[in-house]
Protein backbone atom coordinates (compact mmCIF):
# COMPACT_ATOMS: atom_id res chain seq x y z
CA LYS A 1 -6.51 -23.85 -37.49
CA GLY A 2 -5.46 -26.70 -35.92
CA LYS A 3 -3.74 -29.23 -39.02
CA ARG A 4 -2.55 -25.84 -39.54
CA ARG A 5 -0.52 -25.24 -36.22
CA ARG A 6 1.47 -28.27 -34.86
CA LYS A 7 2.44 -31.67 -36.33
CA GLY A 8 2.70 -34.57 -33.93
CA GLU A 9 6.25 -34.03 -32.72
CA ASP A 10 6.66 -30.39 -32.32
CA ARG A 11 3.06 -31.20 -30.26
CA ARG A 12 4.46 -33.48 -28.08
CA GLU A 13 7.72 -30.84 -27.63
CA ALA A 14 5.10 -28.26 -26.92
CA GLU A 15 3.76 -30.43 -24.15
CA GLY A 16 6.53 -31.30 -22.58
CA ASN A 17 7.57 -27.53 -22.19
CA SER A 18 4.03 -26.67 -21.17
CA SER A 19 4.93 -28.60 -17.71
CA LEU A 20 5.26 -25.35 -16.10
CA CYS A 21 3.21 -22.29 -18.25
CA PRO A 22 1.47 -23.34 -21.43
CA ASN A 23 2.40 -20.42 -23.10
CA ILE A 24 5.95 -21.45 -23.55
CA ALA A 25 4.63 -23.95 -25.67
CA ASN A 26 3.15 -21.14 -28.02
CA SER A 27 7.08 -20.19 -28.75
CA VAL A 28 7.56 -23.01 -31.25
CA THR A 29 4.09 -21.89 -33.48
CA MET A 30 5.43 -18.14 -33.40
CA GLU A 31 8.88 -18.33 -34.44
CA LYS A 32 6.86 -20.57 -37.47
CA GLU A 33 4.78 -17.03 -37.53
CA GLU A 34 8.33 -14.40 -37.58
CA LYS A 35 10.09 -16.28 -40.24
CA GLY A 36 6.42 -15.75 -42.54
CA GLU A 37 5.31 -19.38 -42.84
CA GLU A 38 1.14 -20.45 -42.09
CA ARG A 39 -0.19 -17.64 -40.10
CA ASP A 40 -3.93 -17.64 -38.55
CA ASP A 41 -4.15 -13.38 -39.45
CA GLU A 42 -6.06 -13.07 -42.16
CA THR A 43 -4.80 -9.64 -42.22
CA SER A 44 -0.99 -10.75 -43.03
CA GLU A 45 -2.86 -12.02 -46.35
CA THR A 46 -4.11 -8.68 -47.87
CA VAL A 47 -1.51 -6.36 -46.71
CA GLU A 48 1.67 -5.75 -48.35
CA PRO A 49 5.08 -7.39 -47.42
CA SER A 50 6.73 -4.13 -47.26
CA ALA A 51 3.64 -2.46 -45.16
CA LYS A 52 3.16 -5.68 -42.89
CA ARG A 53 2.56 -4.33 -39.44
CA GLY A 54 5.23 -4.88 -37.09
CA LYS A 55 8.11 -5.18 -39.86
CA ARG A 56 11.42 -2.47 -39.20
CA THR A 57 12.22 -0.33 -41.70
CA VAL A 58 15.00 1.99 -41.37
CA GLU A 59 16.96 3.92 -44.20
CA GLU A 60 20.38 2.48 -44.94
CA GLY A 61 22.88 5.03 -44.75
CA SER A 62 25.38 5.29 -47.70
CA GLU A 63 28.63 3.30 -47.18
CA VAL A 64 32.00 5.07 -46.21
CA ASP A 65 34.91 4.00 -47.29
CA GLY A 66 37.49 2.95 -44.82
CA ALA A 67 34.16 2.83 -42.09
CA GLY A 68 33.72 -0.38 -40.07
CA PRO A 69 30.28 -1.71 -39.20
CA SER A 70 27.84 0.15 -36.93
CA ILE A 71 27.90 -1.41 -33.77
CA SER A 72 25.82 1.15 -31.76
CA SER A 73 22.36 0.77 -30.59
CA PRO A 74 20.19 -0.61 -33.40
CA GLN A 75 18.68 2.83 -35.66
CA PHE A 76 15.40 4.39 -34.89
CA VAL A 77 12.43 2.80 -36.67
CA SER A 78 10.54 4.59 -39.55
CA TYR A 79 7.80 4.90 -38.32
CA ASP A 80 5.50 7.55 -36.09
CA PRO A 81 3.39 5.84 -33.20
CA SER A 82 0.99 8.77 -32.90
CA THR A 83 -0.79 7.69 -36.15
CA MET A 84 0.53 3.99 -36.28
CA LEU A 85 -1.69 1.07 -35.73
CA ILE A 86 -0.74 -0.63 -32.60
CA ASP A 87 -1.93 -3.84 -32.40
CA ARG A 88 -0.49 -7.18 -30.52
CA GLU A 89 1.86 -7.51 -33.60
CA THR A 90 3.56 -3.82 -33.73
CA LEU A 91 3.68 -2.66 -29.75
CA PRO A 92 6.75 -5.55 -29.25
CA SER A 93 8.04 -3.20 -32.31
CA ILE A 94 7.32 0.26 -31.09
CA LEU A 95 8.64 -0.77 -27.69
CA GLY A 96 11.64 -1.96 -28.72
CA ILE A 97 11.20 -5.74 -27.29
CA MET A 98 12.62 -8.20 -28.05
CA GLY A 99 14.06 -12.19 -27.62
CA THR A 100 12.16 -15.25 -26.76
CA PRO A 101 8.46 -14.98 -27.53
CA THR A 102 8.43 -16.38 -23.88
CA GLY A 103 10.11 -12.94 -23.21
CA VAL A 104 7.98 -10.86 -24.77
CA LEU A 105 5.40 -12.12 -23.77
CA LEU A 106 6.07 -11.41 -20.18
CA GLN A 107 6.79 -8.20 -20.84
CA MET A 108 4.02 -7.24 -22.83
CA HIS A 109 2.24 -8.79 -19.29
CA ARG A 110 4.11 -6.22 -17.65
CA ILE A 111 2.98 -3.31 -19.52
CA SER A 112 -0.30 -4.70 -19.03
CA VAL A 113 -0.49 -4.54 -15.04
CA ASN A 114 2.20 -2.34 -14.58
CA PRO A 115 1.61 0.63 -16.76
CA PRO A 116 5.04 2.11 -16.35
CA GLU A 117 5.92 6.28 -16.63
CA ARG A 118 8.45 5.86 -19.59
CA PHE A 119 8.23 3.15 -22.48
CA VAL A 120 11.51 2.44 -22.89
CA GLN A 121 13.52 -0.51 -24.75
CA ILE A 122 13.83 -3.52 -22.63
CA PRO A 123 16.17 -5.74 -24.44
CA HIS A 124 16.89 -9.51 -23.58
CA PRO A 125 19.40 -10.30 -20.99
CA LEU A 126 21.35 -12.24 -23.78
CA GLU A 127 20.89 -9.50 -26.43
CA LYS A 128 22.19 -6.89 -23.69
CA SER A 129 25.42 -8.77 -22.88
CA ILE A 130 26.37 -8.89 -26.69
CA LYS A 131 25.32 -5.36 -27.45
CA LYS A 132 27.60 -4.53 -24.23
CA ALA A 133 30.57 -6.25 -25.89
CA MET A 134 30.37 -5.27 -29.43
CA GLN A 135 29.71 -1.58 -28.44
CA ASP A 136 32.91 -1.64 -26.21
CA SER A 137 34.47 -3.37 -29.40
CA TYR A 138 33.22 -0.51 -31.12
CA TRP A 139 34.16 2.49 -29.19
CA LYS A 140 38.15 0.87 -28.78
CA MET A 141 38.12 0.53 -32.40
CA LEU A 142 37.33 4.27 -32.68
CA SER A 143 39.31 5.81 -30.16
CA GLU A 144 42.23 3.98 -32.04
CA ASP A 145 41.24 5.57 -35.36
CA VAL A 146 41.13 8.86 -34.06
CA ASP A 147 44.68 8.87 -32.86
CA LYS A 148 46.43 7.88 -35.28
CA CYS A 149 48.54 10.20 -36.95
CA PRO A 150 46.72 11.30 -39.61
CA PRO A 151 43.56 10.48 -37.64
CA VAL A 152 40.85 7.78 -39.91
CA TYR A 153 37.91 8.93 -39.62
CA GLY A 154 35.65 6.76 -41.17
CA THR A 155 33.88 5.59 -38.29
CA ALA A 156 33.57 8.61 -36.77
CA ILE A 157 31.32 9.87 -40.36
CA SER A 158 29.81 6.34 -40.27
CA LEU A 159 28.22 6.75 -36.50
CA VAL A 160 27.44 10.76 -37.38
CA ASN A 161 25.67 8.94 -40.61
CA GLU A 162 23.58 6.89 -38.14
CA ILE A 163 22.81 9.85 -35.57
CA LYS A 164 21.51 11.99 -38.88
CA GLU A 165 19.52 8.75 -39.83
CA MET A 166 17.47 8.26 -36.26
CA LEU A 167 17.07 12.30 -36.01
CA LEU A 168 15.46 12.48 -39.51
CA ASN A 169 13.47 8.76 -38.78
CA GLY A 170 11.21 9.52 -35.99
CA LEU A 171 12.99 12.50 -33.50
CA ILE A 172 12.56 15.45 -35.94
CA PRO A 173 8.51 15.63 -37.11
CA MET A 174 8.38 15.73 -41.09
CA ARG A 175 6.47 18.91 -40.52
CA ASP A 176 9.42 20.86 -39.27
CA GLU A 177 11.29 20.88 -42.55
CA LYS A 178 13.60 23.79 -41.56
CA ARG A 179 15.50 21.98 -39.08
CA ARG A 180 15.44 18.59 -41.48
CA ASN A 181 17.21 20.24 -44.06
CA GLU A 182 19.50 21.73 -41.78
CA VAL A 183 20.18 18.35 -40.55
CA SER A 184 20.57 16.85 -44.31
CA ALA A 185 22.64 19.49 -45.58
CA ARG A 186 25.50 20.06 -42.40
CA LEU A 187 25.48 16.06 -41.92
CA ASP A 188 25.58 14.92 -45.68
CA ILE A 189 28.05 11.96 -45.69
CA ASN A 190 29.54 13.01 -48.59
CA THR A 191 30.31 16.61 -47.29
CA LEU A 192 32.00 15.02 -44.50
CA GLN A 193 34.14 12.86 -46.86
CA ASN A 194 35.28 16.13 -48.60
CA GLU A 195 36.48 17.47 -45.21
CA VAL A 196 38.29 14.54 -44.34
CA GLU A 197 40.05 14.65 -47.65
CA GLN A 198 40.23 18.57 -47.37
CA ASN A 199 41.57 17.75 -43.48
CA GLU A 200 39.22 20.70 -42.98
CA LEU A 201 36.60 17.95 -40.55
CA ASP A 202 36.09 19.55 -37.45
CA VAL A 203 34.17 17.08 -35.08
CA GLN A 204 33.87 19.61 -32.55
CA SER A 205 31.90 21.77 -34.27
CA ILE A 206 29.74 18.70 -36.06
CA GLY A 207 28.91 18.07 -31.91
CA SER A 208 28.02 20.83 -31.32
CA PHE A 209 25.30 21.81 -34.22
CA ILE A 210 24.12 18.02 -33.41
CA LEU A 211 23.80 19.22 -29.56
CA ASN A 212 21.91 22.70 -30.83
CA ILE A 213 18.88 19.67 -32.81
CA PHE A 214 18.92 18.32 -29.42
CA THR A 215 18.08 21.04 -27.61
CA SER A 216 15.42 22.14 -29.86
CA ILE A 217 13.51 18.72 -29.54
CA CYS A 218 14.53 17.31 -26.34
CA ALA A 219 12.25 17.31 -22.78
CA PRO A 220 13.67 19.80 -19.98
CA HIS A 221 15.44 17.22 -18.21
CA ARG A 222 17.48 16.59 -20.53
CA ASP A 223 19.13 19.76 -20.38
CA PRO A 224 21.81 19.68 -17.57
CA GLU A 225 22.97 16.24 -19.59
CA ILE A 226 23.72 18.17 -23.13
CA SER A 227 25.34 20.71 -21.09
CA GLU A 228 27.51 18.01 -19.43
CA ILE A 229 28.51 16.71 -22.65
CA ARG A 230 28.61 20.52 -24.15
CA SER A 231 31.54 20.51 -21.13
CA HIS A 232 33.62 17.84 -22.55
CA MET A 233 34.05 18.39 -26.27
CA ASP A 234 37.61 17.77 -26.01
CA ASN A 235 37.64 13.63 -26.29
CA ILE A 236 36.51 13.64 -29.93
CA PRO A 237 35.49 9.43 -28.88
CA ASN A 238 33.79 10.10 -25.50
CA LEU A 239 32.19 13.27 -27.39
CA LEU A 240 30.77 10.89 -30.65
CA ARG A 241 29.62 8.40 -27.78
CA ASN A 242 27.61 10.86 -25.69
CA LEU A 243 26.22 11.84 -28.44
CA MET A 244 25.01 7.99 -29.98
CA GLU A 245 23.81 8.04 -26.04
CA MET A 246 22.00 11.13 -25.80
CA THR A 247 20.28 10.13 -29.50
CA ASP A 248 18.89 7.13 -27.96
CA LYS A 249 17.72 8.91 -24.84
CA ILE A 250 15.69 11.40 -26.81
CA LYS A 251 14.35 8.32 -28.97
CA GLU A 252 13.16 7.08 -25.36
CA ASP A 253 11.92 10.59 -24.36
CA VAL A 254 9.87 10.75 -27.55
CA ILE A 255 8.35 7.56 -28.01
CA SER A 256 7.31 7.68 -24.42
CA PHE A 257 5.74 10.66 -25.15
CA LYS A 258 3.39 9.67 -28.20
CA LEU A 259 2.42 6.26 -26.48
CA GLU A 260 1.60 7.69 -23.42
CA MET A 261 -1.19 10.03 -25.74
CA ARG A 262 -2.60 6.63 -26.54
CA ARG A 263 -1.81 4.47 -23.34
CA GLU A 264 -5.18 2.91 -23.48
CA GLU A 265 -4.31 1.76 -26.71
CA VAL A 266 -1.32 0.42 -26.09
CA LEU A 267 -2.67 -1.59 -23.24
CA LYS A 268 -5.23 -3.09 -25.00
CA ALA A 269 -2.59 -4.09 -27.46
CA ALA A 270 -0.49 -5.42 -24.39
CA ARG A 271 -3.97 -7.54 -23.48
CA ASP A 272 -4.44 -8.81 -26.49
CA TYR A 273 -0.93 -10.14 -26.99
CA GLU A 274 -1.31 -12.17 -23.67
CA LYS A 275 -4.72 -13.31 -24.77
CA HIS A 276 -3.98 -14.15 -27.99
CA ASP A 277 -1.03 -16.61 -26.76
CA LEU A 278 -3.12 -18.40 -24.45
CA GLU A 279 -5.91 -19.15 -26.87
CA SER A 280 -2.78 -20.47 -28.69
CA SER A 281 -2.14 -22.88 -26.08
CA PHE A 282 -5.57 -24.19 -26.21
CA VAL A 283 -4.77 -25.61 -29.88
CA VAL A 284 -1.35 -26.70 -28.59
CA VAL A 285 -1.72 -28.39 -24.97
CA GLU A 286 -4.47 -31.06 -25.43
CA GLY A 287 -7.29 -30.63 -22.46
CA ALA A 288 -5.79 -27.29 -21.48
CA LYS A 289 -9.00 -24.88 -22.26
CA ASP A 290 -11.61 -27.50 -20.73
CA LYS A 291 -9.78 -27.85 -17.36
CA LEU A 292 -9.23 -23.67 -16.91
CA VAL A 293 -13.30 -23.90 -18.56
CA ASP A 294 -13.71 -26.53 -15.54
CA TRP A 295 -11.90 -24.11 -12.97
CA ILE A 296 -13.99 -21.93 -13.75
CA LYS A 297 -17.16 -23.75 -13.10
CA LYS A 298 -15.34 -24.59 -9.63
CA ILE A 299 -14.94 -21.11 -8.32
CA TYR A 300 -18.34 -19.72 -9.67
CA GLU A 301 -20.02 -22.87 -7.81
CA LYS A 302 -18.50 -21.53 -4.50
CA THR A 303 -19.38 -17.64 -4.90
CA ALA A 304 -23.05 -18.36 -6.59
CA GLU A 305 -25.39 -16.33 -4.84
CA GLU A 306 -29.18 -15.82 -5.18
CA GLY A 307 -30.74 -14.53 -8.52
CA ASP A 308 -27.41 -14.98 -10.20
CA SER A 309 -28.65 -14.57 -14.07
CA ILE A 310 -26.98 -14.39 -17.35
CA GLU A 311 -28.28 -10.73 -17.02
CA ASN A 312 -25.84 -9.78 -14.31
CA ILE A 313 -23.30 -11.90 -16.18
CA GLU A 314 -20.33 -8.93 -15.58
CA GLU A 315 -21.07 -9.15 -11.97
CA ILE A 316 -20.39 -12.66 -11.41
CA VAL A 317 -17.44 -12.48 -13.36
CA GLY A 318 -16.37 -9.42 -11.01
CA ARG A 319 -16.92 -12.20 -8.14
CA VAL A 320 -15.43 -15.06 -9.67
CA VAL A 321 -11.77 -13.15 -10.98
CA ARG A 322 -11.61 -12.10 -7.33
CA ARG A 323 -12.41 -14.80 -5.67
CA GLY A 324 -10.18 -17.66 -7.55
CA PHE A 325 -7.26 -14.59 -7.46
CA ILE A 326 -7.74 -15.41 -3.61
CA GLN A 327 -8.24 -19.28 -3.96
CA ASN A 328 -4.73 -18.74 -5.69
CA LEU A 329 -3.13 -17.59 -2.72
CA SER A 330 -3.42 -20.72 -0.71
CA PHE A 331 -1.89 -23.34 -3.78
CA SER A 332 0.32 -26.10 -2.67
CA SER A 333 2.01 -26.80 -6.21
CA ILE A 334 2.10 -24.98 -9.43
CA SER A 335 -0.21 -26.99 -10.91
CA ASP A 336 -2.99 -25.77 -8.79
CA ILE A 337 -2.43 -22.00 -10.56
CA PRO A 338 -4.69 -22.00 -13.65
CA PHE A 339 -3.39 -21.75 -17.16
CA HIS A 340 -4.45 -17.65 -17.36
CA TRP A 341 -2.79 -16.36 -14.15
CA ARG A 342 0.89 -18.18 -14.52
CA LEU A 343 2.51 -15.11 -16.32
CA ASP A 344 1.86 -13.71 -12.43
CA LEU A 345 2.99 -17.03 -10.77
CA ASN A 346 6.02 -14.96 -8.78
CA GLU A 347 3.70 -12.22 -7.62
CA ILE A 348 1.36 -14.98 -6.68
CA GLN A 349 4.40 -16.72 -4.70
CA LEU A 350 4.80 -13.51 -3.53
CA PHE A 351 1.54 -12.97 -2.27
CA SER A 352 0.86 -16.25 -0.44
CA LEU A 353 3.91 -15.22 1.55
CA GLU A 354 2.26 -12.41 2.38
CA ARG A 355 -0.84 -13.94 3.35
CA ARG A 356 0.75 -16.73 5.42
CA ARG A 357 3.07 -13.70 7.26
CA ILE A 358 -0.07 -11.72 8.31
CA ALA A 359 -1.42 -14.77 9.34
CA ILE A 360 1.32 -15.97 11.85
CA VAL A 361 1.09 -12.31 13.11
CA ALA A 362 -2.48 -12.06 13.55
CA ALA A 363 -2.88 -15.52 15.01
CA SER A 364 0.24 -14.47 17.60
CA LEU A 365 -1.40 -11.00 18.55
CA PHE A 366 -5.03 -13.34 19.55
CA LEU A 367 -2.81 -15.61 21.56
CA LEU A 368 -1.40 -13.08 23.71
CA ASN A 369 -4.08 -10.77 24.13
CA SER A 370 -6.03 -13.59 25.37
CA ILE A 371 -3.29 -14.67 27.83
CA HIS A 372 -2.65 -10.55 28.60
CA PRO A 373 -4.34 -8.00 26.77
CA LEU A 374 -2.49 -5.77 25.64
CA SER A 375 -2.55 -1.84 25.96
CA PRO A 376 -2.99 0.13 22.44
CA SER A 377 0.15 1.70 22.74
CA SER A 378 2.29 -1.35 23.60
CA GLN A 379 0.20 -3.38 20.54
CA SER A 380 1.28 -0.99 18.05
CA SER A 381 4.86 -0.95 19.18
CA LEU A 382 4.96 -4.86 18.75
CA ILE A 383 3.35 -5.22 15.50
CA PRO A 384 5.94 -3.58 13.46
CA ARG A 385 8.48 -5.71 15.54
CA LEU A 386 6.95 -9.04 14.50
CA ILE A 387 6.32 -8.35 10.47
CA THR A 388 9.78 -7.31 10.26
CA LEU A 389 10.24 -11.19 11.79
CA CYS A 390 8.45 -12.31 9.19
CA ASP A 391 9.80 -10.22 6.26
CA ASP A 392 11.55 -13.36 4.74
CA LEU A 393 9.26 -15.57 5.84
CA SER A 394 9.03 -19.16 3.50
CA LYS A 395 9.06 -22.58 3.44
CA ASP A 396 12.32 -23.40 4.28
CA ASN A 397 12.88 -20.63 7.18
CA LEU A 398 9.30 -21.05 8.61
CA GLU A 399 10.39 -22.51 12.43
CA VAL A 400 12.97 -20.44 12.33
CA ILE A 401 10.47 -17.19 11.99
CA VAL A 402 8.05 -18.60 14.25
CA ASP A 403 10.66 -19.23 16.94
CA SER A 404 11.76 -15.61 16.82
CA VAL A 405 7.93 -14.50 16.96
CA TYR A 406 7.37 -16.86 20.50
CA VAL A 407 10.04 -14.75 21.54
CA GLU A 408 9.05 -11.51 20.95
CA CYS A 409 5.95 -11.80 22.46
CA GLU A 410 7.23 -13.90 25.55
CA LYS A 411 9.84 -11.05 26.24
CA VAL A 412 6.43 -8.65 25.84
CA LEU A 413 4.57 -10.80 28.69
CA ARG A 414 7.91 -10.62 30.95
CA GLU A 415 7.90 -7.19 30.69
CA ALA A 416 4.17 -7.56 31.67
CA LYS A 417 5.51 -9.90 34.41
CA LYS A 418 2.80 -12.02 33.18
CA LEU A 419 4.97 -14.92 32.23
CA ASN A 420 4.87 -17.72 34.63
CA GLU A 421 4.56 -21.70 33.90
CA GLU A 422 1.12 -21.19 32.30
CA THR A 423 1.14 -18.22 30.37
CA GLU A 424 4.14 -19.43 28.91
CA ASP A 425 2.63 -22.75 27.83
CA LYS A 426 -0.25 -21.06 26.55
CA LEU A 427 2.45 -19.00 24.36
CA LYS A 428 3.73 -21.83 22.86
CA VAL A 429 0.88 -22.78 21.26
CA ILE A 430 2.80 -20.03 18.33
CA LYS A 431 5.52 -22.25 17.77
CA ARG A 432 2.73 -25.03 16.31
CA PHE A 433 2.01 -22.21 13.70
CA ILE A 434 4.71 -24.09 11.61
CA ASP A 435 2.12 -26.88 11.25
CA SER A 436 -0.33 -25.68 8.20
CA ASP A 437 -3.21 -27.53 10.09
CA GLN A 438 -2.90 -25.34 13.28
CA PRO A 439 -6.32 -24.67 14.29
CA LEU A 440 -5.50 -21.06 15.23
CA ARG A 441 -3.45 -20.73 12.20
CA ILE A 442 -6.71 -22.10 10.15
CA LEU A 443 -9.05 -19.91 11.66
CA ALA A 444 -6.51 -16.64 11.24
CA GLU A 445 -6.25 -17.93 7.31
CA LYS A 446 -9.43 -18.61 6.61
CA ARG A 447 -10.71 -15.33 7.90
CA LEU A 448 -8.21 -13.27 6.63
CA ASP A 449 -9.31 -15.05 2.20
CA GLU A 450 -12.62 -14.08 3.31
CA TYR A 451 -11.78 -10.69 4.55
CA MET A 452 -9.14 -9.83 1.37
CA PHE A 453 -12.31 -11.20 -0.79
CA THR A 454 -13.90 -8.32 0.95
CA VAL A 455 -11.31 -5.84 0.39
CA VAL A 456 -10.63 -6.49 -3.20
CA SER A 457 -14.59 -6.66 -3.69
CA THR A 458 -15.05 -3.60 -2.20
CA PRO A 459 -16.13 -0.38 -5.18
CA ASN A 460 -14.34 2.09 -2.85
CA SER A 461 -11.43 3.26 -0.91
CA SER A 462 -13.33 3.02 2.26
CA LEU A 463 -12.55 -0.68 3.31
CA PRO A 464 -14.78 -2.64 5.83
CA SER A 465 -13.24 -3.12 8.95
CA PRO A 466 -11.74 -6.51 9.60
CA PRO A 467 -12.79 -9.39 11.74
CA SER A 468 -11.15 -10.47 14.59
CA PRO A 469 -7.64 -11.52 14.65
CA LEU A 470 -7.01 -9.09 11.94
CA THR A 471 -8.53 -6.54 13.74
CA PRO A 472 -4.65 -4.51 14.28
CA LEU A 473 -3.09 -5.58 11.37
CA SER A 474 -6.07 -2.85 10.20
CA SER A 475 -3.65 -0.29 8.70
CA LEU A 476 -1.94 -3.36 5.91
CA PHE A 477 -5.03 -3.94 3.80
CA PRO A 478 -5.21 -0.39 1.53
CA SER A 479 -2.14 -1.10 0.59
CA ILE A 480 -2.71 -5.15 0.20
CA ARG A 481 -6.16 -4.06 -2.08
CA THR A 482 -4.24 -1.93 -4.60
CA LYS A 483 -1.35 -4.21 -5.26
CA PHE A 484 -4.03 -7.11 -5.97
CA LEU A 485 -6.43 -5.29 -7.44
CA LYS A 486 -4.01 -4.37 -10.51
CA TYR A 487 -3.63 -7.87 -11.24
CA ILE A 488 -7.68 -9.07 -10.83
CA ILE A 489 -8.62 -6.06 -12.59
CA HIS A 490 -6.04 -6.97 -15.79
CA ASN A 491 -7.02 -10.65 -15.45
CA GLU A 492 -10.89 -9.51 -15.91
CA ASN A 493 -10.23 -7.34 -18.74
CA THR A 494 -7.75 -9.42 -20.44
CA PHE A 495 -9.76 -12.82 -20.51
CA LYS A 496 -13.33 -11.55 -19.76
CA ASP A 497 -15.15 -13.56 -22.71
CA LEU A 498 -13.85 -16.81 -21.74
CA TYR A 499 -14.95 -16.09 -18.10
CA VAL A 500 -18.46 -15.16 -19.63
CA ASN A 501 -18.23 -18.10 -21.90
CA ALA A 502 -17.84 -20.65 -19.24
CA ILE A 503 -20.35 -19.26 -16.78
CA SER A 504 -22.76 -18.77 -19.08
CA SER A 505 -22.65 -22.60 -19.77
CA VAL A 506 -23.81 -23.37 -16.06
CA PHE A 507 -26.61 -21.25 -16.69
CA LYS A 508 -27.44 -23.57 -19.61
CA THR A 509 -27.26 -26.79 -18.23
CA SER A 510 -29.16 -25.78 -15.47
CA GLU A 511 -31.63 -24.22 -17.67
CA GLU A 512 -31.74 -27.72 -19.63
């Protein structure tokens, strides 16, 4: 397997690209797979070329004399998600996700962690900009053709033919023979050409027919948009553009509905896509797997409990995943984040800042209460102000934020007529929170980490009360728990085998 993967030069190139995330190194390998070169998938050798999974197939429309190339949105693929196998190979094509292997991987990961309410095409940014430029050129050309005297309808007919193909290749069910026959007959390209030659082409009538079809197959929430199109049918270029855009929207509705019915299968395929990429990275990046396994073992050593054994391995895995996630939030450099968490790097950085923000607010409240106990109303009024001040917290502006927190707390003491030289000196400890080794800040962060571990390990929504100095901030933790668990559960489900094997090796070593 290793021999088939990459040779010396590609290996060095991949390792060079893997400093941030080893998954990037796999892009070279995946590009080879896309070209049909040596593949690891055993199934690819047994499937006929025309039926290989993940390939997009569309019926080509007849060419129209004088028609320009169709530069509108890509034609709808001729498969039905409700009956087709959904796996890591087909899923990107089904969802219309394109771009670099790394970009596709990130999109698959986002689908796994935060399943969207709707599945829509997610174009690569470069593809999106190119597509927009080409479409603008296309619509300009169409408008110029229609405005000629006599009008030139070649491009318009080509567009209508494309809409027809979309309707027949996925939007109108195969069982609806009557409607399919109506579309085939009314939008027949030869018939349309004859109408042009006889100067009998009625674009508004064609548009009205297509809108009637849309009304019969679209979701109810599209009805107002269709009514809006009906009220502006005089401008032929705009009418055709609106029809094309509505076709794309209905296409997304159909895909969303069918994939929603198979959501679990979709999410499993997305997780498999990510797991396959990590396994490929182990082949390309030397020592990557050993490093990750060592990380898992060290986390287990921190969470080991009396009575742990191979029999309760799943419980141990859940504990290790949660402890590892909490540990990630205190990372000092990107290299501290293990390979299988690096797709969540942006989120981990945000969560890390949120951790620091809560710790600083908690430590400040604790210090202020030790100087002058606050009334419940005064404290409940102060907390939102401190949290707002810390919203933009980062390493670059930490000192400014801490100074602002100090000023706000000083104001509370002044209003309570408790501000004097002694209390002011005590309060100035807040300004030292810019130092990561400040004792009170360390205490707040340590207790916060332990409590967050408890929070994400609690099986129900009833959370235990946070310890001091976190007690005043108890209302923040239910939402934090919800956010964190999305990533924790995804990581556990995706890489469970990796965790099980690593932890099992610890037990085997102990037995030996």
